[in-house]
């Protein structure tokens, strides 16, 4: 029997906010993600962002340690956030939780529903 080793965690979240402007401001989120990635000592390997006509955007940042994905719906006052960090050489669990919380705070959510998956 092969014993599975936990190598990271994924924090998945759904948020609601009254700050619909933050859900449209893709450039600010890009800048914030870049700053946070550097401040947490993570390594970006690629990005993709798409701004929808009329507002809202999707952004995905690929990291050596895994990924960050943000999807916004200003018309609903909502967004989803997915932060997954893994590493065989060190435990990034607390960094993943802290990173999720700092990104979420950028949207001043009135409601947060999140789930943590150990992988």
PDB file of N, CA and C in Angstrom:
ATOM      1  N   UNK A   1       0.845  -1.182   0.000  1.00  0.00           N
ATOM      2  CA  UNK A   1       0.000   0.000   0.000  1.00  0.00           C
ATOM      3  C   UNK A   1       0.894   1.251   0.000  1.00  0.00           C
ATOM      4  N   UNK A   2       0.588   2.180  -0.879  1.00  0.00           N
ATOM      5  CA  UNK A   2       1.340   3.432  -0.969  1.00  0.00           C
ATOM      6  C   UNK A   2       0.673   4.454  -0.063  1.00  0.00           C
ATOM      7  N   UNK A   3       1.467   5.019   0.832  1.00  0.00           N
ATOM      8  CA  UNK A   3       0.952   6.044   1.721  1.00  0.00           C
ATOM      9  C   UNK A   3       1.085   7.399   1.037  1.00  0.00           C
ATOM     10  N   UNK A   4      -0.005   8.123   0.938  1.00  0.00           N
ATOM     11  CA  UNK A   4      -0.002   9.433   0.295  1.00  0.00           C
ATOM     12  C   UNK A   4       0.575  10.472   1.245  1.00  0.00           C
ATOM     13  N   UNK A   5       1.492  11.248   0.735  1.00  0.00           N
ATOM     14  CA  UNK A   5       2.091  12.321   1.514  1.00  0.00           C
ATOM     15  C   UNK A   5       1.380  13.625   1.168  1.00  0.00           C
ATOM     16  N   UNK A   6       0.953  14.358   2.192  1.00  0.00           N
ATOM     17  CA  UNK A   6       0.317  15.658   1.980  1.00  0.00           C
ATOM     18  C   UNK A   6       1.406  16.638   1.553  1.00  0.00           C
ATOM     19  N   UNK A   7       1.203  17.272   0.404  1.00  0.00           N
ATOM     20  CA  UNK A   7       2.219  18.183  -0.116  1.00  0.00           C
ATOM     21  C   UNK A   7       1.757  19.623  -0.167  1.00  0.00           C
ATOM     22  N   UNK A   8       0.517  19.874   0.190  1.00  0.00           N
ATOM     23  CA  UNK A   8       0.048  21.249   0.141  1.00  0.00           C
ATOM     24  C   UNK A   8      -1.423  21.356   0.465  1.00  0.00           C
ATOM     25  N   UNK A   9      -1.901  22.600   0.411  1.00  0.00           N
ATOM     26  CA  UNK A   9      -3.326  22.820   0.607  1.00  0.00           C
ATOM     27  C   UNK A   9      -3.857  23.745  -0.486  1.00  0.00           C
ATOM     28  N   UNK A  10      -5.147  23.621  -0.692  1.00  0.00           N
ATOM     29  CA  UNK A  10      -5.850  24.470  -1.641  1.00  0.00           C
ATOM     30  C   UNK A  10      -6.981  25.140  -0.872  1.00  0.00           C
ATOM     31  N   UNK A  11      -7.047  26.465  -0.971  1.00  0.00           N
ATOM     32  CA  UNK A  11      -8.123  27.212  -0.327  1.00  0.00           C
ATOM     33  C   UNK A  11      -9.028  27.721  -1.441  1.00  0.00           C
ATOM     34  N   UNK A  12     -10.270  27.284  -1.414  1.00  0.00           N
ATOM     35  CA  UNK A  12     -11.267  27.676  -2.402  1.00  0.00           C
ATOM     36  C   UNK A  12     -12.280  28.571  -1.713  1.00  0.00           C
ATOM     37  N   UNK A  13     -12.633  29.672  -2.355  1.00  0.00           N
ATOM     38  CA  UNK A  13     -13.567  30.574  -1.715  1.00  0.00           C
ATOM     39  C   UNK A  13     -14.548  31.223  -2.666  1.00  0.00           C
ATOM     40  N   UNK A  14     -15.715  31.518  -2.117  1.00  0.00           N
ATOM     41  CA  UNK A  14     -16.750  32.295  -2.791  1.00  0.00           C
ATOM     42  C   UNK A  14     -17.011  33.498  -1.898  1.00  0.00           C
ATOM     43  N   UNK A  15     -17.030  34.689  -2.494  1.00  0.00           N
ATOM     44  CA  UNK A  15     -17.235  35.905  -1.716  1.00  0.00           C
ATOM     45  C   UNK A  15     -18.286  36.793  -2.344  1.00  0.00           C
ATOM     46  N   UNK A  16     -18.948  37.546  -1.478  1.00  0.00           N
ATOM     47  CA  UNK A  16     -19.866  38.580  -1.920  1.00  0.00           C
ATOM     48  C   UNK A  16     -19.348  39.907  -1.389  1.00  0.00           C
ATOM     49  N   UNK A  17     -19.520  40.969  -2.190  1.00  0.00           N
ATOM     50  CA  UNK A  17     -19.054  42.291  -1.795  1.00  0.00           C
ATOM     51  C   UNK A  17     -19.963  43.360  -2.362  1.00  0.00           C
ATOM     52  N   UNK A  18     -20.025  44.465  -1.667  1.00  0.00           N
ATOM     53  CA  UNK A  18     -20.752  45.629  -2.173  1.00  0.00           C
ATOM     54  C   UNK A  18     -19.817  46.523  -2.975  1.00  0.00           C
ATOM     55  N   UNK A  19     -18.528  46.259  -2.883  1.00  0.00           N
ATOM     56  CA  UNK A  19     -17.500  47.027  -3.597  1.00  0.00           C
ATOM     57  C   UNK A  19     -17.364  46.482  -5.025  1.00  0.00           C
ATOM     58  N   UNK A  20     -18.379  46.749  -5.846  1.00  0.00           N
ATOM     59  CA  UNK A  20     -18.374  46.192  -7.207  1.00  0.00           C
ATOM     60  C   UNK A  20     -17.255  46.776  -8.069  1.00  0.00           C
ATOM     61  N   UNK A  21     -16.752  47.953  -7.719  1.00  0.00           N
ATOM     62  CA  UNK A  21     -15.633  48.528  -8.486  1.00  0.00           C
ATOM     63  C   UNK A  21     -14.395  47.649  -8.371  1.00  0.00           C
ATOM     64  N   UNK A  22     -14.183  47.047  -7.200  1.00  0.00           N
ATOM     65  CA  UNK A  22     -13.019  46.167  -7.027  1.00  0.00           C
ATOM     66  C   UNK A  22     -13.130  44.926  -7.917  1.00  0.00           C
ATOM     67  N   UNK A  23     -14.361  44.546  -8.234  1.00  0.00           N
ATOM     68  CA  UNK A  23     -14.587  43.373  -9.083  1.00  0.00           C
ATOM     69  C   UNK A  23     -14.333  43.669 -10.560  1.00  0.00           C
ATOM     70  N   UNK A  24     -14.202  44.952 -10.887  1.00  0.00           N
ATOM     71  CA  UNK A  24     -13.935  45.370 -12.264  1.00  0.00           C
ATOM     72  C   UNK A  24     -12.483  45.794 -12.471  1.00  0.00           C
ATOM     73  N   UNK A  25     -11.755  46.010 -11.385  1.00  0.00           N
ATOM     74  CA  UNK A  25     -10.426  46.601 -11.469  1.00  0.00           C
ATOM     75  C   UNK A  25      -9.328  45.538 -11.618  1.00  0.00           C
ATOM     76  N   UNK A  26      -9.260  44.987 -12.807  1.00  0.00           N
ATOM     77  CA  UNK A  26      -8.303  43.920 -13.087  1.00  0.00           C
ATOM     78  C   UNK A  26      -6.859  44.379 -12.892  1.00  0.00           C
ATOM     79  N   UNK A  27      -6.543  45.595 -13.309  1.00  0.00           N
ATOM     80  CA  UNK A  27      -5.162  46.083 -13.201  1.00  0.00           C
ATOM     81  C   UNK A  27      -4.710  46.170 -11.751  1.00  0.00           C
ATOM     82  N   UNK A  28      -5.601  46.603 -10.871  1.00  0.00           N
ATOM     83  CA  UNK A  28      -5.241  46.674  -9.450  1.00  0.00           C
ATOM     84  C   UNK A  28      -5.010  45.279  -8.888  1.00  0.00           C
ATOM     85  N   UNK A  29      -5.853  44.339  -9.253  1.00  0.00           N
ATOM     86  CA  UNK A  29      -5.696  42.967  -8.768  1.00  0.00           C
ATOM     87  C   UNK A  29      -4.390  42.370  -9.300  1.00  0.00           C
ATOM     88  N   UNK A  30      -4.076  42.607 -10.567  1.00  0.00           N
ATOM     89  CA  UNK A  30      -2.804  42.121 -11.122  1.00  0.00           C
ATOM     90  C   UNK A  30      -1.624  42.652 -10.316  1.00  0.00           C
ATOM     91  N   UNK A  31      -1.651  43.944 -10.035  1.00  0.00           N
ATOM     92  CA  UNK A  31      -0.575  44.570  -9.268  1.00  0.00           C
ATOM     93  C   UNK A  31      -0.484  43.987  -7.858  1.00  0.00           C
ATOM     94  N   UNK A  32      -1.637  43.829  -7.222  1.00  0.00           N
ATOM     95  CA  UNK A  32      -1.665  43.269  -5.869  1.00  0.00           C
ATOM     96  C   UNK A  32      -1.124  41.847  -5.854  1.00  0.00           C
ATOM     97  N   UNK A  33      -1.558  41.032  -6.812  1.00  0.00           N
ATOM     98  CA  UNK A  33      -1.068  39.649  -6.865  1.00  0.00           C
ATOM     99  C   UNK A  33       0.439  39.617  -7.069  1.00  0.00           C
ATOM    100  N   UNK A  34       0.951  40.450  -7.962  1.00  0.00           N
ATOM    101  CA  UNK A  34       2.403  40.503  -8.187  1.00  0.00           C
ATOM    102  C   UNK A  34       3.146  40.832  -6.904  1.00  0.00           C
ATOM    103  N   UNK A  35       2.651  41.833  -6.172  1.00  0.00           N
ATOM    104  CA  UNK A  35       3.295  42.239  -4.919  1.00  0.00           C
ATOM    105  C   UNK A  35       3.230  41.129  -3.877  1.00  0.00           C
ATOM    106  N   UNK A  36       2.068  40.496  -3.740  1.00  0.00           N
ATOM    107  CA  UNK A  36       1.911  39.439  -2.747  1.00  0.00           C
ATOM    108  C   UNK A  36       2.770  38.221  -3.075  1.00  0.00           C
ATOM    109  N   UNK A  37       2.826  37.857  -4.329  1.00  0.00           N
ATOM    110  CA  UNK A  37       3.647  36.711  -4.736  1.00  0.00           C
ATOM    111  C   UNK A  37       5.100  36.948  -4.336  1.00  0.00           C
ATOM    112  N   UNK A  38       5.591  38.138  -4.604  1.00  0.00           N
ATOM    113  CA  UNK A  38       6.971  38.473  -4.222  1.00  0.00           C
ATOM    114  C   UNK A  38       7.142  38.493  -2.712  1.00  0.00           C
ATOM    115  N   UNK A  39       6.196  39.109  -2.007  1.00  0.00           N
ATOM    116  CA  UNK A  39       6.341  39.240  -0.550  1.00  0.00           C
ATOM    117  C   UNK A  39       6.309  37.893   0.164  1.00  0.00           C
ATOM    118  N   UNK A  40       5.623  36.908  -0.411  1.00  0.00           N
ATOM    119  CA  UNK A  40       5.575  35.578   0.193  1.00  0.00           C
ATOM    120  C   UNK A  40       6.694  34.665  -0.321  1.00  0.00           C
ATOM    121  N   UNK A  41       7.553  35.192  -1.200  1.00  0.00           N
ATOM    122  CA  UNK A  41       8.680  34.411  -1.694  1.00  0.00           C
ATOM    123  C   UNK A  41       8.284  33.301  -2.657  1.00  0.00           C
ATOM    124  N   UNK A  42       7.184  33.498  -3.374  1.00  0.00           N
ATOM    125  CA  UNK A  42       6.718  32.517  -4.353  1.00  0.00           C
ATOM    126  C   UNK A  42       7.283  32.872  -5.727  1.00  0.00           C
ATOM    127  N   UNK A  43       7.184  31.939  -6.664  1.00  0.00           N
ATOM    128  CA  UNK A  43       7.770  32.153  -7.986  1.00  0.00           C
ATOM    129  C   UNK A  43       6.721  32.010  -9.083  1.00  0.00           C
ATOM    130  N   UNK A  44       6.455  33.115  -9.768  1.00  0.00           N
ATOM    131  CA  UNK A  44       5.503  33.134 -10.875  1.00  0.00           C
ATOM    132  C   UNK A  44       6.160  32.554 -12.124  1.00  0.00           C
ATOM    133  N   UNK A  45       5.409  31.720 -12.855  1.00  0.00           N
ATOM    134  CA  UNK A  45       5.928  31.169 -14.113  1.00  0.00           C
ATOM    135  C   UNK A  45       5.073  31.557 -15.314  1.00  0.00           C
ATOM    136  N   UNK A  46       3.926  32.171 -15.081  1.00  0.00           N
ATOM    137  CA  UNK A  46       3.084  32.617 -16.191  1.00  0.00           C
ATOM    138  C   UNK A  46       1.759  33.154 -15.688  1.00  0.00           C
ATOM    139  N   UNK A  47       1.121  34.004 -16.518  1.00  0.00           N
ATOM    140  CA  UNK A  47      -0.169  34.569 -16.141  1.00  0.00           C
ATOM    141  C   UNK A  47      -1.098  34.616 -17.346  1.00  0.00           C
ATOM    142  N   UNK A  48      -2.377  34.643 -17.053  1.00  0.00           N
ATOM    143  CA  UNK A  48      -3.384  34.881 -18.083  1.00  0.00           C
ATOM    144  C   UNK A  48      -4.519  35.660 -17.430  1.00  0.00           C
ATOM    145  N   UNK A  49      -4.887  36.758 -18.055  1.00  0.00           N
ATOM    146  CA  UNK A  49      -6.010  37.564 -17.585  1.00  0.00           C
ATOM    147  C   UNK A  49      -6.926  37.843 -18.767  1.00  0.00           C
ATOM    148  N   UNK A  50      -8.226  37.870 -18.495  1.00  0.00           N
ATOM    149  CA  UNK A  50      -9.199  38.223 -19.522  1.00  0.00           C
ATOM    150  C   UNK A  50     -10.256  39.120 -18.886  1.00  0.00           C
ATOM    151  N   UNK A  51     -10.468  40.277 -19.497  1.00  0.00           N
ATOM    152  CA  UNK A  51     -11.469  41.224 -19.017  1.00  0.00           C
ATOM    153  C   UNK A  51     -12.719  41.080 -19.874  1.00  0.00           C
ATOM    154  N   UNK A  52     -13.842  40.849 -19.231  1.00  0.00           N
ATOM    155  CA  UNK A  52     -15.096  40.669 -19.949  1.00  0.00           C
ATOM    156  C   UNK A  52     -15.700  42.020 -20.328  1.00  0.00           C
ATOM    157  N   UNK A  53     -16.317  42.102 -21.505  1.00  0.00           N
ATOM    158  CA  UNK A  53     -16.999  43.341 -21.885  1.00  0.00           C
ATOM    159  C   UNK A  53     -18.069  43.675 -20.839  1.00  0.00           C
ATOM    160  N   UNK A  54     -18.100  44.904 -20.411  1.00  0.00           N
ATOM    161  CA  UNK A  54     -19.090  45.306 -19.417  1.00  0.00           C
ATOM    162  C   UNK A  54     -18.657  45.098 -17.976  1.00  0.00           C
ATOM    163  N   UNK A  55     -17.476  44.520 -17.763  1.00  0.00           N
ATOM    164  CA  UNK A  55     -16.975  44.351 -16.394  1.00  0.00           C
ATOM    165  C   UNK A  55     -16.728  42.906 -16.039  1.00  0.00           C
ATOM    166  N   UNK A  56     -15.970  42.740 -15.000  1.00  0.00           N
ATOM    167  CA  UNK A  56     -15.610  41.402 -14.544  1.00  0.00           C
ATOM    168  C   UNK A  56     -14.375  40.901 -15.270  1.00  0.00           C
ATOM    169  N   UNK A  57     -13.687  39.998 -14.649  1.00  0.00           N
ATOM    170  CA  UNK A  57     -12.476  39.436 -15.249  1.00  0.00           C
ATOM    171  C   UNK A  57     -12.169  38.072 -14.660  1.00  0.00           C
ATOM    172  N   UNK A  58     -11.300  37.380 -15.362  1.00  0.00           N
ATOM    173  CA  UNK A  58     -10.738  36.108 -14.925  1.00  0.00           C
ATOM    174  C   UNK A  58      -9.236  36.270 -14.949  1.00  0.00           C
ATOM    175  N   UNK A  59      -8.578  35.816 -13.902  1.00  0.00           N
ATOM    176  CA  UNK A  59      -7.130  35.876 -13.853  1.00  0.00           C
ATOM    177  C   UNK A  59      -6.566  34.605 -13.259  1.00  0.00           C
ATOM    178  N   UNK A  60      -5.519  34.095 -13.892  1.00  0.00           N
ATOM    179  CA  UNK A  60      -4.850  32.889 -13.411  1.00  0.00           C
ATOM    180  C   UNK A  60      -3.358  33.150 -13.397  1.00  0.00           C
ATOM    181  N   UNK A  61      -2.737  32.879 -12.259  1.00  0.00           N
ATOM    182  CA  UNK A  61      -1.295  33.000 -12.131  1.00  0.00           C
ATOM    183  C   UNK A  61      -0.750  31.614 -11.839  1.00  0.00           C
ATOM    184  N   UNK A  62       0.103  31.148 -12.717  1.00  0.00           N
ATOM    185  CA  UNK A  62       0.759  29.858 -12.507  1.00  0.00           C
ATOM    186  C   UNK A  62       2.034  30.100 -11.712  1.00  0.00           C
ATOM    187  N   UNK A  63       2.225  29.309 -10.693  1.00  0.00           N
ATOM    188  CA  UNK A  63       3.381  29.426  -9.817  1.00  0.00           C
ATOM    189  C   UNK A  63       4.177  28.126  -9.842  1.00  0.00           C
ATOM    190  N   UNK A  64       5.459  28.199  -9.551  1.00  0.00           N
ATOM    191  CA  UNK A  64       6.206  26.960  -9.362  1.00  0.00           C
ATOM    192  C   UNK A  64       5.512  26.137  -8.278  1.00  0.00           C
ATOM    193  N   UNK A  65       4.984  26.826  -7.281  1.00  0.00           N
ATOM    194  CA  UNK A  65       4.330  26.171  -6.147  1.00  0.00           C
ATOM    195  C   UNK A  65       2.893  25.772  -6.434  1.00  0.00           C
ATOM    196  N   UNK A  66       2.303  26.157  -7.537  1.00  0.00           N
ATOM    197  CA  UNK A  66       1.001  25.768  -8.066  1.00  0.00           C
ATOM    198  C   UNK A  66       0.280  26.941  -8.711  1.00  0.00           C
ATOM    199  N   UNK A  67      -0.820  27.505  -8.101  1.00  0.00           N
ATOM    200  CA  UNK A  67      -1.549  28.546  -8.818  1.00  0.00           C
ATOM    201  C   UNK A  67      -2.435  29.407  -7.922  1.00  0.00           C
ATOM    202  N   UNK A  68      -2.875  30.527  -8.527  1.00  0.00           N
ATOM    203  CA  UNK A  68      -3.891  31.417  -7.954  1.00  0.00           C
ATOM    204  C   UNK A  68      -4.873  31.707  -9.090  1.00  0.00           C
ATOM    205  N   UNK A  69      -6.169  31.612  -8.817  1.00  0.00           N
ATOM    206  CA  UNK A  69      -7.183  31.940  -9.829  1.00  0.00           C
ATOM    207  C   UNK A  69      -8.256  32.821  -9.197  1.00  0.00           C
ATOM    208  N   UNK A  70      -8.627  33.881  -9.926  1.00  0.00           N
ATOM    209  CA  UNK A  70      -9.657  34.814  -9.477  1.00  0.00           C
ATOM    210  C   UNK A  70     -10.673  34.974 -10.606  1.00  0.00           C
ATOM    211  N   UNK A  71     -11.962  34.908 -10.261  1.00  0.00           N
ATOM    212  CA  UNK A  71     -13.040  35.100 -11.233  1.00  0.00           C
ATOM    213  C   UNK A  71     -14.054  36.046 -10.598  1.00  0.00           C
ATOM    214  N   UNK A  72     -14.369  37.155 -11.277  1.00  0.00           N
ATOM    215  CA  UNK A  72     -15.285  38.143 -10.687  1.00  0.00           C
ATOM    216  C   UNK A  72     -16.552  38.317 -11.518  1.00  0.00           C
ATOM    217  N   UNK A  73     -17.634  38.640 -10.807  1.00  0.00           N
ATOM    218  CA  UNK A  73     -18.938  38.927 -11.406  1.00  0.00           C
ATOM    219  C   UNK A  73     -19.491  40.192 -10.758  1.00  0.00           C
ATOM    220  N   UNK A  74     -19.128  41.378 -11.280  1.00  0.00           N
ATOM    221  CA  UNK A  74     -19.624  42.620 -10.673  1.00  0.00           C
ATOM    222  C   UNK A  74     -21.152  42.707 -10.672  1.00  0.00           C
ATOM    223  N   UNK A  75     -21.779  42.176 -11.701  1.00  0.00           N
ATOM    224  CA  UNK A  75     -23.241  42.240 -11.786  1.00  0.00           C
ATOM    225  C   UNK A  75     -23.915  41.447 -10.668  1.00  0.00           C
ATOM    226  N   UNK A  76     -23.173  40.511 -10.059  1.00  0.00           N
ATOM    227  CA  UNK A  76     -23.692  39.725  -8.942  1.00  0.00           C
ATOM    228  C   UNK A  76     -23.071  40.135  -7.610  1.00  0.00           C
ATOM    229  N   UNK A  77     -22.071  41.017  -7.659  1.00  0.00           N
ATOM    230  CA  UNK A  77     -21.349  41.391  -6.447  1.00  0.00           C
ATOM    231  C   UNK A  77     -20.615  40.219  -5.846  1.00  0.00           C
ATOM    232  N   UNK A  78     -20.011  39.387  -6.730  1.00  0.00           N
ATOM    233  CA  UNK A  78     -19.412  38.141  -6.251  1.00  0.00           C
ATOM    234  C   UNK A  78     -18.098  37.821  -6.958  1.00  0.00           C
ATOM    235  N   UNK A  79     -17.323  36.973  -6.305  1.00  0.00           N
ATOM    236  CA  UNK A  79     -16.101  36.455  -6.922  1.00  0.00           C
ATOM    237  C   UNK A  79     -15.773  35.100  -6.325  1.00  0.00           C
ATOM    238  N   UNK A  80     -14.955  34.358  -7.065  1.00  0.00           N
ATOM    239  CA  UNK A  80     -14.392  33.126  -6.536  1.00  0.00           C
ATOM    240  C   UNK A  80     -12.878  33.287  -6.534  1.00  0.00           C
ATOM    241  N   UNK A  81     -12.249  32.642  -5.566  1.00  0.00           N
ATOM    242  CA  UNK A  81     -10.803  32.702  -5.416  1.00  0.00           C
ATOM    243  C   UNK A  81     -10.298  31.307  -5.099  1.00  0.00           C
ATOM    244  N   UNK A  82      -9.248  30.899  -5.786  1.00  0.00           N
ATOM    245  CA  UNK A  82      -8.638  29.587  -5.619  1.00  0.00           C
ATOM    246  C   UNK A  82      -7.139  29.797  -5.438  1.00  0.00           C
ATOM    247  N   UNK A  83      -6.616  29.415  -4.282  1.00  0.00           N
ATOM    248  CA  UNK A  83      -5.182  29.510  -4.018  1.00  0.00           C
ATOM    249  C   UNK A  83      -4.705  28.117  -3.634  1.00  0.00           C
ATOM    250  N   UNK A  84      -3.789  27.575  -4.424  1.00  0.00           N
ATOM    251  CA  UNK A  84      -3.232  26.244  -4.155  1.00  0.00           C
ATOM    252  C   UNK A  84      -1.718  26.347  -4.132  1.00  0.00           C
ATOM    253  N   UNK A  85      -1.124  25.929  -3.023  1.00  0.00           N
ATOM    254  CA  UNK A  85       0.331  25.913  -2.894  1.00  0.00           C
ATOM    255  C   UNK A  85       0.763  24.539  -2.421  1.00  0.00           C
ATOM    256  N   UNK A  86       1.774  24.018  -3.078  1.00  0.00           N
ATOM    257  CA  UNK A  86       2.334  22.735  -2.671  1.00  0.00           C
ATOM    258  C   UNK A  86       3.849  22.801  -2.805  1.00  0.00           C
ATOM    259  N   UNK A  87       4.508  21.895  -2.110  1.00  0.00           N
ATOM    260  CA  UNK A  87       5.968  21.865  -2.161  1.00  0.00           C
ATOM    261  C   UNK A  87       6.409  20.639  -1.382  1.00  0.00           C
ATOM    262  N   UNK A  88       7.240  19.798  -1.985  1.00  0.00           N
ATOM    263  CA  UNK A  88       7.720  18.609  -1.292  1.00  0.00           C
ATOM    264  C   UNK A  88       8.785  18.935  -0.254  1.00  0.00           C
ATOM    265  N   UNK A  89       9.410  20.106  -0.364  1.00  0.00           N
ATOM    266  CA  UNK A  89      10.526  20.407   0.522  1.00  0.00           C
ATOM    267  C   UNK A  89      10.148  21.233   1.746  1.00  0.00           C
ATOM    268  N   UNK A  90       8.978  21.894   1.726  1.00  0.00           N
ATOM    269  CA  UNK A  90       8.548  22.653   2.903  1.00  0.00           C
ATOM    270  C   UNK A  90       7.034  22.771   2.926  1.00  0.00           C
ATOM    271  N   UNK A  91       6.519  23.079   4.086  1.00  0.00           N
ATOM    272  CA  UNK A  91       5.077  23.210   4.274  1.00  0.00           C
ATOM    273  C   UNK A  91       4.654  24.650   3.990  1.00  0.00           C
ATOM    274  N   UNK A  92       3.867  24.853   2.942  1.00  0.00           N
ATOM    275  CA  UNK A  92       3.369  26.180   2.571  1.00  0.00           C
ATOM    276  C   UNK A  92       1.931  26.413   3.034  1.00  0.00           C
ATOM    277  N   UNK A  93       1.449  25.591   3.947  1.00  0.00           N
ATOM    278  CA  UNK A  93       0.042  25.678   4.359  1.00  0.00           C
ATOM    279  C   UNK A  93      -0.325  27.049   4.917  1.00  0.00           C
ATOM    280  N   UNK A  94       0.480  27.577   5.825  1.00  0.00           N
ATOM    281  CA  UNK A  94       0.148  28.872   6.420  1.00  0.00           C
ATOM    282  C   UNK A  94       0.269  29.987   5.394  1.00  0.00           C
ATOM    283  N   UNK A  95       1.264  29.902   4.525  1.00  0.00           N
ATOM    284  CA  UNK A  95       1.411  30.903   3.459  1.00  0.00           C
ATOM    285  C   UNK A  95       0.172  30.902   2.574  1.00  0.00           C
ATOM    286  N   UNK A  96      -0.321  29.713   2.242  1.00  0.00           N
ATOM    287  CA  UNK A  96      -1.511  29.601   1.392  1.00  0.00           C
ATOM    288  C   UNK A  96      -2.711  30.266   2.056  1.00  0.00           C
ATOM    289  N   UNK A  97      -2.923  29.999   3.330  1.00  0.00           N
ATOM    290  CA  UNK A  97      -4.048  30.605   4.058  1.00  0.00           C
ATOM    291  C   UNK A  97      -3.895  32.121   4.134  1.00  0.00           C
ATOM    292  N   UNK A  98      -2.688  32.578   4.459  1.00  0.00           N
ATOM    293  CA  UNK A  98      -2.447  34.020   4.566  1.00  0.00           C
ATOM    294  C   UNK A  98      -2.601  34.718   3.222  1.00  0.00           C
ATOM    295  N   UNK A  99      -2.104  34.087   2.168  1.00  0.00           N
ATOM    296  CA  UNK A  99      -2.218  34.654   0.824  1.00  0.00           C
ATOM    297  C   UNK A  99      -3.690  34.776   0.425  1.00  0.00           C
ATOM    298  N   UNK A 100      -4.461  33.731   0.675  1.00  0.00           N
ATOM    299  CA  UNK A 100      -5.897  33.775   0.385  1.00  0.00           C
ATOM    300  C   UNK A 100      -6.542  34.962   1.119  1.00  0.00           C
ATOM    301  N   UNK A 101      -6.250  35.087   2.403  1.00  0.00           N
ATOM    302  CA  UNK A 101      -6.863  36.151   3.204  1.00  0.00           C
ATOM    303  C   UNK A 101      -6.480  37.547   2.707  1.00  0.00           C
ATOM    304  N   UNK A 102      -5.236  37.724   2.313  1.00  0.00           N
ATOM    305  CA  UNK A 102      -4.785  39.043   1.832  1.00  0.00           C
ATOM    306  C   UNK A 102      -5.423  39.387   0.482  1.00  0.00           C
ATOM    307  N   UNK A 103      -5.537  38.405  -0.397  1.00  0.00           N
ATOM    308  CA  UNK A 103      -6.201  38.651  -1.688  1.00  0.00           C
ATOM    309  C   UNK A 103      -7.681  38.953  -1.442  1.00  0.00           C
ATOM    310  N   UNK A 104      -8.328  38.164  -0.614  1.00  0.00           N
ATOM    311  CA  UNK A 104      -9.753  38.362  -0.323  1.00  0.00           C
ATOM    312  C   UNK A 104     -10.009  39.761   0.224  1.00  0.00           C
ATOM    313  N   UNK A 105      -9.133  40.247   1.094  1.00  0.00           N
ATOM    314  CA  UNK A 105      -9.309  41.563   1.711  1.00  0.00           C
ATOM    315  C   UNK A 105      -9.342  42.682   0.674  1.00  0.00           C
ATOM    316  N   UNK A 106      -8.707  42.484  -0.471  1.00  0.00           N
ATOM    317  CA  UNK A 106      -8.696  43.499  -1.534  1.00  0.00           C
ATOM    318  C   UNK A 106     -10.105  43.795  -2.060  1.00  0.00           C
ATOM    319  N   UNK A 107     -11.027  42.869  -1.861  1.00  0.00           N
ATOM    320  CA  UNK A 107     -12.390  43.015  -2.376  1.00  0.00           C
ATOM    321  C   UNK A 107     -13.383  43.435  -1.285  1.00  0.00           C
ATOM    322  N   UNK A 108     -12.905  43.686  -0.070  1.00  0.00           N
ATOM    323  CA  UNK A 108     -13.740  44.025   1.086  1.00  0.00           C
ATOM    324  C   UNK A 108     -15.042  43.211   1.118  1.00  0.00           C
ATOM    325  N   UNK A 109     -14.898  41.908   1.233  1.00  0.00           N
ATOM    326  CA  UNK A 109     -16.087  41.052   1.181  1.00  0.00           C
ATOM    327  C   UNK A 109     -16.984  41.208   2.407  1.00  0.00           C
ATOM    328  N   UNK A 110     -18.294  41.110   2.156  1.00  0.00           N
ATOM    329  CA  UNK A 110     -19.261  41.117   3.245  1.00  0.00           C
ATOM    330  C   UNK A 110     -19.583  39.685   3.662  1.00  0.00           C
ATOM    331  N   UNK A 111     -19.272  38.741   2.778  1.00  0.00           N
ATOM    332  CA  UNK A 111     -19.519  37.327   3.060  1.00  0.00           C
ATOM    333  C   UNK A 111     -18.405  36.511   2.409  1.00  0.00           C
ATOM    334  N   UNK A 112     -17.843  35.575   3.172  1.00  0.00           N
ATOM    335  CA  UNK A 112     -16.823  34.671   2.631  1.00  0.00           C
ATOM    336  C   UNK A 112     -17.204  33.245   3.005  1.00  0.00           C
ATOM    337  N   UNK A 113     -17.221  32.404   2.004  1.00  0.00           N
ATOM    338  CA  UNK A 113     -17.401  30.975   2.220  1.00  0.00           C
ATOM    339  C   UNK A 113     -16.138  30.320   1.664  1.00  0.00           C
ATOM    340  N   UNK A 114     -15.404  29.578   2.514  1.00  0.00           N
ATOM    341  CA  UNK A 114     -14.180  28.962   1.998  1.00  0.00           C
ATOM    342  C   UNK A 114     -14.041  27.531   2.473  1.00  0.00           C
ATOM    343  N   UNK A 115     -13.290  26.809   1.692  1.00  0.00           N
ATOM    344  CA  UNK A 115     -13.052  25.389   1.965  1.00  0.00           C
ATOM    345  C   UNK A 115     -11.565  25.128   1.787  1.00  0.00           C
ATOM    346  N   UNK A 116     -10.982  24.376   2.687  1.00  0.00           N
ATOM    347  CA  UNK A 116      -9.572  24.018   2.600  1.00  0.00           C
ATOM    348  C   UNK A 116      -9.462  22.533   2.269  1.00  0.00           C
ATOM    349  N   UNK A 117      -8.709  22.246   1.239  1.00  0.00           N
ATOM    350  CA  UNK A 117      -8.499  20.857   0.808  1.00  0.00           C
ATOM    351  C   UNK A 117      -7.028  20.528   0.991  1.00  0.00           C
ATOM    352  N   UNK A 118      -6.742  19.477   1.690  1.00  0.00           N
ATOM    353  CA  UNK A 118      -5.363  18.996   1.851  1.00  0.00           C
ATOM    354  C   UNK A 118      -5.088  18.031   0.712  1.00  0.00           C
ATOM    355  N   UNK A 119      -3.970  18.297   0.006  1.00  0.00           N
ATOM    356  CA  UNK A 119      -3.653  17.470  -1.167  1.00  0.00           C
ATOM    357  C   UNK A 119      -2.252  16.927  -1.072  1.00  0.00           C
TER     358      UNK A 119
END
